[in-house]
C-alpha atoms as a PDB file:
ATOM      1  CA  MET A   1     124.899  43.663 153.658  1.00  0.00           C
ATOM      2  CA  HIS A   2     128.666  44.233 152.686  1.00  0.00           C
ATOM      3  CA  THR A   3     129.701  43.382 149.105  1.00  0.00           C
ATOM      4  CA  ILE A   4     132.930  41.648 148.402  1.00  0.00           C
ATOM      5  CA  VAL A   5     134.569  43.588 145.523  1.00  0.00           C
ATOM      6  CA  SER A   6     137.853  41.618 145.271  1.00  0.00           C
ATOM      7  CA  ARG A   7     139.552  38.482 146.614  1.00  0.00           C
ATOM      8  CA  GLU A   8     143.119  37.202 146.300  1.00  0.00           C
ATOM      9  CA  LYS A   9     144.821  33.999 147.458  1.00  0.00           C
ATOM     10  CA  LEU A  10     147.921  34.983 149.203  1.00  0.00           C
ATOM     11  CA  SER A  11     149.191  31.521 150.309  1.00  0.00           C
ATOM     12  CA  PRO A  12     147.665  28.058 150.370  1.00  0.00           C
ATOM     13  CA  ASN A  13     145.519  28.766 153.418  1.00  0.00           C
ATOM     14  CA  VAL A  14     145.400  32.715 153.470  1.00  0.00           C
ATOM     15  CA  THR A  15     143.007  34.813 151.467  1.00  0.00           C
ATOM     16  CA  LEU A  16     142.808  38.683 150.985  1.00  0.00           C
ATOM     17  CA  VAL A  17     139.220  39.926 150.846  1.00  0.00           C
ATOM     18  CA  GLU A  18     138.212  43.509 149.975  1.00  0.00           C
ATOM     19  CA  VAL A  19     134.795  44.363 151.161  1.00  0.00           C
ATOM     20  CA  GLU A  20     132.643  47.527 151.063  1.00  0.00           C
ATOM     21  CA  ALA A  21     132.291  49.174 154.580  1.00  0.00           C
ATOM     22  CA  PRO A  22     132.528  52.855 153.832  1.00  0.00           C
ATOM     23  CA  ARG A  23     131.972  54.159 157.450  1.00  0.00           C
ATOM     24  CA  ILE A  24     134.692  51.860 158.883  1.00  0.00           C
ATOM     25  CA  ALA A  25     137.035  52.738 156.078  1.00  0.00           C
ATOM     26  CA  LYS A  26     136.893  56.362 157.014  1.00  0.00           C
ATOM     27  CA  MET A  27     137.171  55.800 160.756  1.00  0.00           C
ATOM     28  CA  ARG A  28     139.691  52.899 161.181  1.00  0.00           C
ATOM     29  CA  ARG A  29     143.249  53.392 162.494  1.00  0.00           C
ATOM     30  CA  PRO A  30     146.172  51.028 162.789  1.00  0.00           C
ATOM     31  CA  GLY A  31     145.611  48.114 165.164  1.00  0.00           C
ATOM     32  CA  GLN A  32     141.860  48.133 165.168  1.00  0.00           C
ATOM     33  CA  PHE A  33     139.749  45.273 164.017  1.00  0.00           C
ATOM     34  CA  VAL A  34     136.103  44.270 162.918  1.00  0.00           C
ATOM     35  CA  ILE A  35     133.948  41.510 163.847  1.00  0.00           C
ATOM     36  CA  VAL A  36     132.443  39.729 160.888  1.00  0.00           C
ATOM     37  CA  HIS A  37     129.038  37.887 160.870  1.00  0.00           C
ATOM     38  CA  LEU A  38     128.677  36.119 157.383  1.00  0.00           C
ATOM     39  CA  ASN A  39     124.886  35.123 157.970  1.00  0.00           C
ATOM     40  CA  GLU A  40     122.409  34.274 160.636  1.00  0.00           C
ATOM     41  CA  GLU A  41     123.861  30.860 161.352  1.00  0.00           C
ATOM     42  CA  ALA A  42     127.404  31.927 161.290  1.00  0.00           C
ATOM     43  CA  GLU A  43     129.927  32.454 164.055  1.00  0.00           C
ATOM     44  CA  ARG A  44     131.189  36.014 164.825  1.00  0.00           C
ATOM     45  CA  ILE A  45     134.795  36.206 163.606  1.00  0.00           C
ATOM     46  CA  PRO A  46     137.250  39.036 164.756  1.00  0.00           C
ATOM     47  CA  LEU A  47     139.469  40.093 161.901  1.00  0.00           C
ATOM     48  CA  THR A  48     142.151  42.886 161.793  1.00  0.00           C
ATOM     49  CA  ILE A  49     141.615  45.726 159.359  1.00  0.00           C
ATOM     50  CA  ALA A  50     144.815  45.091 157.175  1.00  0.00           C
ATOM     51  CA  ASP A  51     144.049  48.161 154.960  1.00  0.00           C
ATOM     52  CA  ALA A  52     141.327  50.639 153.982  1.00  0.00           C
ATOM     53  CA  ASP A  53     140.570  52.866 151.090  1.00  0.00           C
ATOM     54  CA  PRO A  54     138.282  55.616 152.217  1.00  0.00           C
ATOM     55  CA  GLU A  55     137.739  56.964 148.801  1.00  0.00           C
ATOM     56  CA  LYS A  56     136.536  53.565 147.575  1.00  0.00           C
ATOM     57  CA  GLY A  57     134.746  52.863 150.814  1.00  0.00           C
ATOM     58  CA  THR A  58     136.369  49.512 151.284  1.00  0.00           C
ATOM     59  CA  ILE A  59     138.450  47.649 153.885  1.00  0.00           C
ATOM     60  CA  THR A  60     140.861  44.754 153.421  1.00  0.00           C
ATOM     61  CA  LEU A  61     140.581  41.599 155.575  1.00  0.00           C
ATOM     62  CA  ILE A  62     143.195  38.822 155.504  1.00  0.00           C
ATOM     63  CA  ILE A  63     141.793  35.598 156.573  1.00  0.00           C
ATOM     64  CA  GLN A  64     143.526  32.317 157.543  1.00  0.00           C
ATOM     65  CA  GLU A  65     141.526  29.264 157.017  1.00  0.00           C
ATOM     66  CA  VAL A  66     141.487  27.387 160.247  1.00  0.00           C
ATOM     67  CA  GLY A  67     137.949  26.154 160.661  1.00  0.00           C
ATOM     68  CA  LYS A  68     134.542  26.009 159.227  1.00  0.00           C
ATOM     69  CA  SER A  69     133.772  29.624 159.800  1.00  0.00           C
ATOM     70  CA  THR A  70     136.742  30.980 158.135  1.00  0.00           C
ATOM     71  CA  LEU A  71     136.304  28.636 155.237  1.00  0.00           C
ATOM     72  CA  ASP A  72     132.889  29.806 154.679  1.00  0.00           C
ATOM     73  CA  ILE A  73     133.917  33.515 154.582  1.00  0.00           C
ATOM     74  CA  VAL A  74     136.811  32.942 152.036  1.00  0.00           C
ATOM     75  CA  ALA A  75     134.522  30.730 149.853  1.00  0.00           C
ATOM     76  CA  GLN A  76     132.455  33.701 149.035  1.00  0.00           C
ATOM     77  CA  GLU A  77     133.072  34.984 145.424  1.00  0.00           C
ATOM     78  CA  VAL A  78     133.425  38.642 144.271  1.00  0.00           C
ATOM     79  CA  GLY A  79     129.895  40.207 144.229  1.00  0.00           C
ATOM     80  CA  GLY A  80     128.918  38.002 147.221  1.00  0.00           C
ATOM     81  CA  THR A  81     127.923  39.610 150.571  1.00  0.00           C
ATOM     82  CA  ILE A  82     128.654  39.426 154.301  1.00  0.00           C
ATOM     83  CA  ARG A  83     125.706  40.205 156.455  1.00  0.00           C
ATOM     84  CA  ASP A  84     127.295  42.208 159.249  1.00  0.00           C
ATOM     85  CA  ILE A  85     130.675  43.875 159.968  1.00  0.00           C
ATOM     86  CA  VAL A  86     131.085  45.835 163.178  1.00  0.00           C
ATOM     87  CA  GLY A  87     133.782  48.117 163.845  1.00  0.00           C
ATOM     88  CA  PRO A  88     136.267  49.577 164.012  1.00  0.00           C
ATOM     89  CA  LEU A  89     136.838  48.006 167.394  1.00  0.00           C
ATOM     90  CA  GLY A  90     139.760  47.989 169.920  1.00  0.00           C
ATOM     91  CA  SER A  91     142.290  50.665 170.823  1.00  0.00           C
ATOM     92  CA  PRO A  92     144.445  51.978 168.051  1.00  0.00           C
ATOM     93  CA  THR A  93     148.275  51.147 167.926  1.00  0.00           C
ATOM     94  CA  GLU A  94     150.613  53.204 169.934  1.00  0.00           C
ATOM     95  CA  LEU A  95     152.691  54.649 167.128  1.00  0.00           C
ATOM     96  CA  ILE A  96     155.915  56.462 167.774  1.00  0.00           C
ATOM     97  CA  GLU A  97     156.454  59.919 166.217  1.00  0.00           C
ATOM     98  CA  SER A  98     160.029  59.461 164.997  1.00  0.00           C
ATOM     99  CA  GLY A  99     162.928  57.029 165.169  1.00  0.00           C
ATOM    100  CA  ARG A 100     163.219  53.514 163.908  1.00  0.00           C
ATOM    101  CA  ALA A 101     160.580  50.750 164.364  1.00  0.00           C
ATOM    102  CA  VAL A 102     160.985  47.087 163.739  1.00  0.00           C
ATOM    103  CA  CYS A 103     157.783  45.310 162.785  1.00  0.00           C
ATOM    104  CA  VAL A 104     158.031  41.496 163.261  1.00  0.00           C
ATOM    105  CA  GLY A 105     155.330  39.381 161.646  1.00  0.00           C
ATOM    106  CA  GLY A 106     154.966  35.625 161.808  1.00  0.00           C
ATOM    107  CA  GLY A 107     152.625  33.834 159.346  1.00  0.00           C
ATOM    108  CA  VAL A 108     149.185  35.551 159.115  1.00  0.00           C
ATOM    109  CA  GLY A 109     150.403  37.950 161.762  1.00  0.00           C
ATOM    110  CA  THR A 110     152.053  39.785 158.999  1.00  0.00           C
ATOM    111  CA  ALA A 111     148.487  41.106 158.082  1.00  0.00           C
ATOM    112  CA  VAL A 112     148.489  42.896 161.446  1.00  0.00           C
ATOM    113  CA  ILE A 113     151.785  44.452 161.210  1.00  0.00           C
ATOM    114  CA  HIS A 114     150.835  45.933 157.652  1.00  0.00           C
ATOM    115  CA  PRO A 115     148.717  48.808 158.921  1.00  0.00           C
ATOM    116  CA  ILE A 116     151.174  49.414 161.632  1.00  0.00           C
ATOM    117  CA  ALA A 117     154.005  49.892 159.190  1.00  0.00           C
ATOM    118  CA  GLN A 118     151.851  51.958 157.074  1.00  0.00           C
ATOM    119  CA  GLY A 119     150.867  54.237 159.923  1.00  0.00           C
ATOM    120  CA  LEU A 120     154.483  54.609 161.039  1.00  0.00           C
ATOM    121  CA  HIS A 121     155.696  55.307 157.561  1.00  0.00           C
ATOM    122  CA  ALA A 122     153.052  58.055 157.218  1.00  0.00           C
ATOM    123  CA  ARG A 123     154.653  59.754 160.318  1.00  0.00           C
ATOM    124  CA  GLY A 124     158.152  59.632 158.923  1.00  0.00           C
ATOM    125  CA  VAL A 125     159.377  56.767 161.094  1.00  0.00           C
ATOM    126  CA  GLU A 126     161.936  54.550 159.548  1.00  0.00           C
ATOM    127  CA  VAL A 127     160.289  51.053 159.265  1.00  0.00           C
ATOM    128  CA  ILE A 128     162.069  47.656 159.039  1.00  0.00           C
ATOM    129  CA  SER A 129     159.614  44.749 158.664  1.00  0.00           C
ATOM    130  CA  VAL A 130     160.879  41.286 159.478  1.00  0.00           C
ATOM    131  CA  ILE A 131     158.354  38.700 158.207  1.00  0.00           C
ATOM    132  CA  GLY A 132     158.529  34.910 158.102  1.00  0.00           C
ATOM    133  CA  GLY A 133     156.969  31.553 157.311  1.00  0.00           C
ATOM    134  CA  ARG A 134     157.768  27.876 157.349  1.00  0.00           C
ATOM    135  CA  THR A 135     158.318  27.938 153.709  1.00  0.00           C
ATOM    136  CA  LYS A 136     158.350  30.432 150.631  1.00  0.00           C
ATOM    137  CA  GLU A 137     154.794  29.905 149.904  1.00  0.00           C
ATOM    138  CA  LEU A 138     153.610  30.972 153.411  1.00  0.00           C
ATOM    139  CA  VAL A 139     155.342  34.293 153.261  1.00  0.00           C
ATOM    140  CA  ILE A 140     152.700  36.977 152.668  1.00  0.00           C
ATOM    141  CA  LEU A 141     152.696  40.846 151.945  1.00  0.00           C
ATOM    142  CA  GLU A 142     156.272  41.208 151.067  1.00  0.00           C
ATOM    143  CA  ASP A 143     155.680  43.597 148.212  1.00  0.00           C
ATOM    144  CA  ARG A 144     152.986  45.784 150.167  1.00  0.00           C
ATOM    145  CA  LEU A 145     155.340  46.068 153.153  1.00  0.00           C
ATOM    146  CA  ALA A 146     158.243  47.055 150.906  1.00  0.00           C
ATOM    147  CA  ARG A 147     156.291  50.316 150.143  1.00  0.00           C
ATOM    148  CA  TYR A 148     157.054  51.428 153.768  1.00  0.00           C
ATOM    149  CA  GLY A 149     160.612  50.427 154.242  1.00  0.00           C
ATOM    150  CA  GLN A 150     163.181  47.541 154.187  1.00  0.00           C
ATOM    151  CA  VAL A 151     161.787  44.141 154.307  1.00  0.00           C
ATOM    152  CA  VAL A 152     163.701  41.082 155.870  1.00  0.00           C
ATOM    153  CA  VAL A 153     162.096  37.781 154.897  1.00  0.00           C
ATOM    154  CA  CYS A 154     162.932  34.601 156.845  1.00  0.00           C
ATOM    155  CA  THR A 155     161.829  30.956 156.125  1.00  0.00           C
ATOM    156  CA  ASP A 156     162.320  28.094 158.606  1.00  0.00           C
ATOM    157  CA  ASP A 157     163.546  25.773 155.726  1.00  0.00           C
ATOM    158  CA  GLY A 158     165.629  28.425 153.866  1.00  0.00           C
ATOM    159  CA  SER A 159     163.417  28.177 150.657  1.00  0.00           C
ATOM    160  CA  TYR A 160     163.252  32.047 150.458  1.00  0.00           C
ATOM    161  CA  GLY A 161     165.151  34.919 152.040  1.00  0.00           C
ATOM    162  CA  ARG A 162     167.112  34.215 155.105  1.00  0.00           C
ATOM    163  CA  LYS A 163     167.079  30.854 156.798  1.00  0.00           C
ATOM    164  CA  GLY A 164     166.019  30.837 160.285  1.00  0.00           C
ATOM    165  CA  PHE A 165     163.370  32.260 162.543  1.00  0.00           C
ATOM    166  CA  VAL A 166     162.290  36.090 162.709  1.00  0.00           C
ATOM    167  CA  THR A 167     163.873  36.285 166.117  1.00  0.00           C
ATOM    168  CA  ASP A 168     167.326  35.764 164.648  1.00  0.00           C
ATOM    169  CA  ALA A 169     166.989  38.550 162.187  1.00  0.00           C
ATOM    170  CA  THR A 170     165.431  40.842 164.894  1.00  0.00           C
ATOM    171  CA  LYS A 171     168.376  40.137 167.088  1.00  0.00           C
ATOM    172  CA  ASP A 172     170.773  41.292 164.565  1.00  0.00           C
ATOM    173  CA  LEU A 173     168.827  44.531 164.184  1.00  0.00           C
ATOM    174  CA  LEU A 174     168.812  45.120 168.044  1.00  0.00           C
ATOM    175  CA  ASP A 175     172.591  44.284 168.204  1.00  0.00           C
ATOM    176  CA  ALA A 176     173.117  46.841 165.691  1.00  0.00           C
ATOM    177  CA  GLY A 177     171.482  49.430 167.788  1.00  0.00           C
ATOM    178  CA  GLY A 178     169.165  52.315 166.959  1.00  0.00           C
ATOM    179  CA  VAL A 179     165.879  50.351 167.417  1.00  0.00           C
ATOM    180  CA  ASP A 180     163.352  52.557 169.291  1.00  0.00           C
ATOM    181  CA  ILE A 181     160.362  50.050 169.361  1.00  0.00           C
ATOM    182  CA  VAL A 182     159.475  46.608 168.161  1.00  0.00           C
ATOM    183  CA  TYR A 183     155.919  45.526 167.181  1.00  0.00           C
ATOM    184  CA  ALA A 184     155.520  41.698 167.026  1.00  0.00           C
ATOM    185  CA  VAL A 185     152.527  39.766 165.840  1.00  0.00           C
ATOM    186  CA  GLY A 186     152.209  36.089 165.159  1.00  0.00           C
ATOM    187  CA  PRO A 187     151.809  32.860 166.972  1.00  0.00           C
ATOM    188  CA  VAL A 188     151.966  33.054 170.827  1.00  0.00           C
ATOM    189  CA  PRO A 189     155.375  31.192 170.807  1.00  0.00           C
ATOM    190  CA  MET A 190     156.836  33.769 168.426  1.00  0.00           C
ATOM    191  CA  MET A 191     155.441  36.853 170.315  1.00  0.00           C
ATOM    192  CA  ARG A 192     156.820  35.414 173.685  1.00  0.00           C
ATOM    193  CA  ALA A 193     160.257  34.733 172.008  1.00  0.00           C
ATOM    194  CA  VAL A 194     160.361  38.350 170.615  1.00  0.00           C
ATOM    195  CA  ALA A 195     159.360  39.861 173.960  1.00  0.00           C
ATOM    196  CA  ASN A 196     162.013  37.690 175.728  1.00  0.00           C
ATOM    197  CA  LEU A 197     164.603  38.763 173.203  1.00  0.00           C
ATOM    198  CA  THR A 198     163.958  42.528 173.511  1.00  0.00           C
ATOM    199  CA  ARG A 199     163.693  42.661 177.289  1.00  0.00           C
ATOM    200  CA  PRO A 200     167.441  42.778 178.062  1.00  0.00           C
ATOM    201  CA  TYR A 201     167.922  45.423 175.364  1.00  0.00           C
ATOM    202  CA  GLY A 202     165.261  47.581 177.170  1.00  0.00           C
ATOM    203  CA  VAL A 203     163.424  48.169 173.870  1.00  0.00           C
ATOM    204  CA  HIS A 204     159.692  48.740 174.287  1.00  0.00           C
ATOM    205  CA  THR A 205     157.753  45.897 172.645  1.00  0.00           C
ATOM    206  CA  ILE A 206     154.081  45.793 171.568  1.00  0.00           C
ATOM    207  CA  VAL A 207     152.271  42.633 170.683  1.00  0.00           C
ATOM    208  CA  SER A 208     148.767  41.957 169.394  1.00  0.00           C
ATOM    209  CA  LEU A 209     146.828  39.317 171.297  1.00  0.00           C
ATOM    210  CA  ASN A 210     144.214  36.945 169.666  1.00  0.00           C
ATOM    211  CA  PRO A 211     142.146  35.367 172.551  1.00  0.00           C
ATOM    212  CA  VAL A 212     138.660  34.190 171.928  1.00  0.00           C
ATOM    213  CA  MET A 213     136.271  37.127 171.259  1.00  0.00           C
ATOM    214  CA  VAL A 214     132.491  37.038 170.955  1.00  0.00           C
ATOM    215  CA  ASP A 215     130.816  40.489 171.277  1.00  0.00           C
ATOM    216  CA  GLY A 216     133.987  42.741 170.881  1.00  0.00           C
ATOM    217  CA  THR A 217     132.686  45.148 173.630  1.00  0.00           C
ATOM    218  CA  GLY A 218     134.055  43.615 176.773  1.00  0.00           C
ATOM    219  CA  MET A 219     130.715  42.380 177.848  1.00  0.00           C
ATOM    220  CA  CYS A 220     131.292  38.515 177.458  1.00  0.00           C
ATOM    221  CA  GLY A 221     134.698  38.397 179.064  1.00  0.00           C
ATOM    222  CA  GLY A 222     135.918  35.671 176.801  1.00  0.00           C
ATOM    223  CA  CYS A 223     138.973  37.693 175.653  1.00  0.00           C
ATOM    224  CA  ARG A 224     140.298  38.327 179.109  1.00  0.00           C
ATOM    225  CA  VAL A 225     144.090  38.276 179.398  1.00  0.00           C
ATOM    226  CA  THR A 226     146.574  39.142 182.159  1.00  0.00           C
ATOM    227  CA  ILE A 227     148.813  42.151 181.669  1.00  0.00           C
ATOM    228  CA  GLY A 228     151.232  42.894 184.438  1.00  0.00           C
ATOM    229  CA  ASN A 229     149.161  40.941 186.913  1.00  0.00           C
ATOM    230  CA  GLU A 230     146.042  42.919 185.963  1.00  0.00           C
ATOM    231  CA  ILE A 231     142.903  41.573 184.076  1.00  0.00           C
ATOM    232  CA  LYS A 232     142.374  43.291 180.693  1.00  0.00           C
ATOM    233  CA  PHE A 233     140.020  42.581 177.988  1.00  0.00           C
ATOM    234  CA  ALA A 234     141.726  42.362 174.465  1.00  0.00           C
ATOM    235  CA  CYS A 235     138.720  43.680 172.608  1.00  0.00           C
ATOM    236  CA  VAL A 236     138.448  46.984 174.487  1.00  0.00           C
ATOM    237  CA  ASP A 237     141.789  47.410 176.308  1.00  0.00           C
ATOM    238  CA  GLY A 238     143.799  46.065 173.423  1.00  0.00           C
ATOM    239  CA  PRO A 239     144.176  43.977 171.205  1.00  0.00           C
ATOM    240  CA  GLU A 240     147.793  45.345 171.643  1.00  0.00           C
ATOM    241  CA  PHE A 241     149.653  45.324 174.932  1.00  0.00           C
ATOM    242  CA  ASP A 242     153.198  45.662 176.241  1.00  0.00           C
ATOM    243  CA  GLY A 243     154.836  42.296 175.354  1.00  0.00           C
ATOM    244  CA  HIS A 244     157.061  42.391 178.453  1.00  0.00           C
ATOM    245  CA  LYS A 245     153.876  42.262 180.816  1.00  0.00           C
ATOM    246  CA  VAL A 246     151.791  39.645 179.035  1.00  0.00           C
ATOM    247  CA  ASP A 247     151.096  36.298 180.726  1.00  0.00           C
ATOM    248  CA  PHE A 248     151.700  34.187 177.582  1.00  0.00           C
ATOM    249  CA  ASP A 249     151.167  30.846 179.463  1.00  0.00           C
ATOM    250  CA  GLU A 250     147.629  31.891 180.256  1.00  0.00           C
ATOM    251  CA  LEU A 251     147.076  33.108 176.697  1.00  0.00           C
ATOM    252  CA  ALA A 252     148.178  29.892 175.115  1.00  0.00           C
ATOM    253  CA  ASP A 253     146.034  27.877 177.524  1.00  0.00           C
ATOM    254  CA  ARG A 254     142.877  29.726 176.765  1.00  0.00           C
ATOM    255  CA  LEU A 255     143.472  29.641 173.080  1.00  0.00           C
ATOM    256  CA  THR A 256     142.932  25.854 173.225  1.00  0.00           C
ATOM    257  CA  THR A 257     139.543  25.935 174.823  1.00  0.00           C
ATOM    258  CA  TYR A 258     137.472  25.273 171.520  1.00  0.00           C
ATOM    259  CA  ARG A 259     140.170  23.600 169.572  1.00  0.00           C
ATOM    260  CA  ASP A 260     138.589  20.124 169.720  1.00  0.00           C
ATOM    261  CA  PHE A 261     135.008  21.468 169.051  1.00  0.00           C
ATOM    262  CA  GLU A 262     136.236  23.351 165.878  1.00  0.00           C
ATOM    263  CA  LYS A 263     138.114  20.208 164.722  1.00  0.00           C
ATOM    264  CA  ARG A 264     134.909  18.189 165.010  1.00  0.00           C
ATOM    265  CA  ARG A 265     132.727  20.831 163.273  1.00  0.00           C
ATOM    266  CA  LEU A 266     135.311  20.905 160.280  1.00  0.00           C
ATOM    267  CA  GLU A 267     135.302  17.075 160.086  1.00  0.00           C
ATOM    268  CA  GLN A 268     131.332  17.210 159.816  1.00  0.00           C
ATOM    269  CA  CYS A 269     131.062  19.684 157.046  1.00  0.00           C
ATOM    270  CA  SER A 270     130.333  18.324 153.600  1.00  0.00           C
ATOM    271  CA  PRO A 271     132.989  18.368 150.782  1.00  0.00           C
ATOM    272  CA  GLN A 272     131.149  21.185 148.954  1.00  0.00           C
ATOM    273  CA  GLU A 273     131.096  23.227 152.244  1.00  0.00           C
ATOM    274  CA  CYS A 274     134.849  22.527 152.768  1.00  0.00           C
ATOM    275  CA  ARG A 275     136.029  22.798 149.123  1.00  0.00           C
ATOM    276  CA  ILE A 276     138.416  25.669 149.693  1.00  0.00           C
ATOM    277  CA  GLY A 277     140.174  24.010 152.590  1.00  0.00           C
ATOM    278  CA  ARG A 278     140.445  20.800 150.759  1.00  0.00           C
ATOM    279  CA  GLY A 279     141.906  22.399 147.729  1.00  0.00           C
ATOM    280  CA  GLN A 280     138.981  21.890 145.308  1.00  0.00           C
END
């Protein structure tokens, strides 16, 4: 059992949960993830390790409420427990040793760029984080990312920071020159747009993919993606890949596989079960 030691609401549908997992806290590296299994009846959920404190023996998970399983996890109070947490899984992020890096986060994807920015900063790399959301209340982790370098905030409606998409701010940085690498994490259309943007500049671009995962060891094959015309498994070969080689059309199509099922399951849960998602 893994005890929840703190929780914080970051936005209307995103919650930060800090949980005891001492072995994982000591071993984790930027880019790696865990698979969380709340109880015997629960679904296995892959979540990025957004941060870790080896001294406290805790890891930080940032969870977007998108269905019954994620609602169940964020509904747990401090002192509650998670039955199983498996990890760290996946290949660590390819971190440059020097230069300037731009970390682009869209929505909850900002949780994934946080440990990347953290790792780059520790190496002495100049970090510029470009983060965005549809509105001000959906922007997360600005203060935490500011510890590691400049932060540019974008909102679709202009309610906070710069009005427009993260790609607009990223283009300005690329035009100014001196960008050695771009890390982009967020919705598939956003990652595709960033990869298309950086291609003519010749700037290496790494994206983090989120296909359906079950076991996290490459055995089930559910997380297969096509990278440069080769089949890869995101849970063991990734989850991060060269954004210029990703088949984003295939990824987007596979992400819709269980959407109707999850929608029906959410509709079936009782008001008490879904109290977090329904604002109660």
